[in-house]
Amino acid sequence: MKKYNLSPYTLEQLVQWGFGDAIFNVEDDAFFDVNKARRYGFQEMNGNSTQVLLDAFGQLKNRRIIP
């Protein structure tokens, strides 16, 4: 934190362990297809995954959580 002047968050404040447990401990594979949702009007589900990740990392950087 000192080296990069990061905010003094603890790991417990930043991590949602329950979500990690749920997402990484699945016993069955899942196939997600958004085409049906789009047919029913959910057109906003066509975001650019790369841009979404870059935006998330940008927010973390702006909040001084990551360097």
Protein backbone atom coordinates (compact mmCIF):
# COMPACT_ATOMS: atom_id res chain seq x y z
CA MET A 1 0.00 0.00 0.00
CA LYS A 2 2.79 2.42 0.86
CA LYS A 3 4.77 1.80 -2.31
CA TYR A 4 1.84 2.65 -4.61
CA ASN A 5 -0.10 4.97 -2.26
CA LEU A 6 -3.09 2.62 -2.23
CA SER A 7 -6.15 2.94 -0.02
CA PRO A 8 -5.82 1.02 3.26
CA TYR A 9 -8.42 -1.67 2.57
CA THR A 10 -8.03 -5.10 4.12
CA LEU A 11 -8.50 -8.21 2.03
CA GLU A 12 -11.67 -8.99 3.98
CA GLN A 13 -13.13 -5.63 2.92
CA LEU A 14 -12.44 -6.26 -0.77
CA VAL A 15 -13.23 -9.93 -1.30
CA GLN A 16 -16.60 -11.63 -1.43
CA TRP A 17 -15.60 -15.15 -0.47
CA GLY A 18 -19.12 -16.54 -0.82
CA PHE A 19 -19.24 -15.58 -4.49
CA GLY A 20 -15.88 -17.24 -5.14
CA ASP A 21 -17.04 -20.40 -3.41
CA ALA A 22 -20.22 -20.46 -5.48
CA ILE A 23 -18.61 -19.76 -8.84
CA PHE A 24 -15.59 -22.06 -8.50
CA ASN A 25 -17.27 -25.01 -6.77
CA VAL A 26 -19.84 -25.91 -9.40
CA GLU A 27 -20.38 -29.60 -9.92
CA ASP A 28 -22.09 -29.35 -13.30
CA ASP A 29 -21.02 -27.52 -16.42
CA ALA A 30 -23.32 -24.78 -17.61
CA PHE A 31 -23.84 -23.45 -21.11
CA PHE A 32 -25.13 -19.91 -21.29
CA ASP A 33 -26.76 -18.67 -24.45
CA VAL A 34 -28.13 -15.12 -24.44
CA ASN A 35 -29.85 -15.40 -27.82
CA LYS A 36 -33.21 -16.33 -26.27
CA ALA A 37 -32.98 -13.36 -23.91
CA ARG A 38 -32.25 -11.08 -26.87
CA ARG A 39 -35.25 -12.45 -28.75
CA TYR A 40 -37.40 -11.38 -25.78
CA GLY A 41 -36.10 -7.82 -25.79
CA PHE A 42 -33.00 -7.84 -23.59
CA GLN A 43 -30.83 -6.13 -26.19
CA GLU A 44 -28.52 -4.49 -23.66
CA MET A 45 -26.89 -7.89 -23.07
CA ASN A 46 -24.48 -7.40 -25.96
CA GLY A 47 -21.74 -5.52 -24.13
CA ASN A 48 -18.08 -5.74 -24.99
CA SER A 49 -16.53 -8.06 -22.39
CA THR A 50 -13.07 -6.60 -22.84
CA GLN A 51 -14.34 -3.07 -22.26
CA VAL A 52 -16.31 -4.15 -19.20
CA LEU A 53 -13.14 -5.60 -17.64
CA LEU A 54 -11.08 -2.54 -18.55
CA ASP A 55 -13.72 -0.29 -16.98
CA ALA A 56 -13.75 -2.39 -13.80
CA PHE A 57 -9.96 -2.24 -13.52
CA GLY A 58 -10.12 1.52 -14.18
CA GLN A 59 -12.55 1.95 -11.30
CA LEU A 60 -10.30 -0.07 -9.00
CA LYS A 61 -7.34 2.05 -10.03
CA ASN A 62 -9.28 5.32 -9.51
CA ARG A 63 -10.25 4.18 -6.01
CA ARG A 64 -6.58 3.37 -5.36
CA ILE A 65 -7.32 -0.32 -4.72
CA ILE A 66 -4.86 -1.48 -7.38
CA PRO A 67 -1.78 0.37 -8.74
